[in-house]
């Protein structure tokens, strides 16, 4: 990634964190965030199509992580019932 692309990614993640923090009040989860520029990078880590990614799509993912960190994975997935 270029320096500008990295800066844009960092800005998008920061905006997503703020959006999730605004809902929960504070963040307890501390995920490791991987950002891929290409499908070749994204596929092996479980990704599908990159499509258009931004804080709008990052926020729901961070929200899922936050919910899992607060309740535990077993309480947030119906297939564990």
Protein backbone atom coordinates (compact mmCIF):
# COMPACT_ATOMS: atom_id res chain seq x y z
CA UNK A 1 0.00 0.00 0.00
CA UNK A 2 1.12 3.53 -0.60
CA UNK A 3 1.56 5.90 2.30
CA UNK A 4 -1.68 7.64 1.31
CA UNK A 5 -3.57 4.33 1.19
CA UNK A 6 -2.23 3.39 4.64
CA UNK A 7 -3.26 6.79 6.01
CA UNK A 8 -6.74 6.37 4.51
CA UNK A 9 -7.04 2.90 6.06
CA UNK A 10 -5.95 4.21 9.46
CA UNK A 11 -8.49 7.03 9.19
CA UNK A 12 -11.25 4.56 8.25
CA UNK A 13 -10.44 2.27 11.19
CA UNK A 14 -10.31 5.22 13.60
CA UNK A 15 -13.70 6.43 12.35
CA UNK A 16 -15.14 2.93 12.72
CA UNK A 17 -13.81 2.64 16.26
CA UNK A 18 -15.38 5.99 17.16
CA UNK A 19 -18.70 4.90 15.71
CA UNK A 20 -18.72 1.68 17.75
CA UNK A 21 -17.44 3.49 20.84
CA UNK A 22 -20.32 5.95 20.46
CA UNK A 23 -22.77 3.06 20.77
CA UNK A 24 -21.06 1.10 23.55
CA UNK A 25 -19.57 4.04 25.43
CA UNK A 26 -16.17 2.36 25.62
CA UNK A 27 -14.34 -0.38 23.79
CA UNK A 28 -13.33 -3.57 25.58
CA UNK A 29 -12.31 -5.61 22.56
CA UNK A 30 -8.82 -5.22 21.17
CA UNK A 31 -8.81 -6.95 17.80
CA UNK A 32 -5.82 -7.32 15.55
CA UNK A 33 -6.84 -5.62 12.33
CA UNK A 34 -5.54 -6.88 9.01
CA UNK A 35 -5.99 -4.70 5.95
CA UNK A 36 -5.51 -6.03 2.45
CA UNK A 37 -5.23 -4.08 -0.75
CA UNK A 38 -5.67 -7.03 -3.10
CA UNK A 39 -7.92 -10.07 -3.44
CA UNK A 40 -4.75 -12.22 -3.39
CA UNK A 41 -4.03 -10.97 0.13
CA UNK A 42 -7.65 -11.05 1.32
CA UNK A 43 -8.63 -14.54 0.16
CA UNK A 44 -6.23 -16.60 2.31
CA UNK A 45 -7.36 -14.86 5.51
CA UNK A 46 -10.99 -15.81 4.86
CA UNK A 47 -12.16 -12.83 2.86
CA UNK A 48 -14.44 -12.81 -0.13
CA UNK A 49 -14.60 -9.89 -2.50
CA UNK A 50 -12.96 -6.71 -1.28
CA UNK A 51 -15.47 -4.50 -3.02
CA UNK A 52 -15.71 -1.04 -1.50
CA UNK A 53 -14.49 -0.96 2.09
CA UNK A 54 -14.66 1.98 4.48
CA UNK A 55 -15.44 2.76 8.08
CA UNK A 56 -19.08 2.09 7.20
CA UNK A 57 -18.26 -1.58 6.61
CA UNK A 58 -15.54 -1.70 9.26
CA UNK A 59 -17.87 -0.45 12.01
CA UNK A 60 -20.24 -3.46 11.88
CA UNK A 61 -17.28 -5.84 12.01
CA UNK A 62 -15.82 -4.00 15.00
CA UNK A 63 -19.28 -4.03 16.59
CA UNK A 64 -19.43 -7.83 16.29
CA UNK A 65 -16.01 -8.08 17.90
CA UNK A 66 -17.11 -5.80 20.73
CA UNK A 67 -20.26 -7.83 21.33
CA UNK A 68 -18.24 -11.06 21.40
CA UNK A 69 -15.74 -9.57 23.83
CA UNK A 70 -18.51 -8.50 26.19
CA UNK A 71 -20.76 -11.56 26.05
CA UNK A 72 -18.51 -14.33 24.81
CA UNK A 73 -18.80 -16.03 21.46
CA UNK A 74 -21.10 -18.80 22.70
CA UNK A 75 -23.76 -16.30 23.80
CA UNK A 76 -23.72 -14.40 20.53
CA UNK A 77 -24.01 -17.32 18.08
CA UNK A 78 -27.22 -19.29 17.79
CA UNK A 79 -25.46 -22.45 16.55
CA UNK A 80 -24.01 -22.89 20.05
CA UNK A 81 -27.46 -23.35 21.55
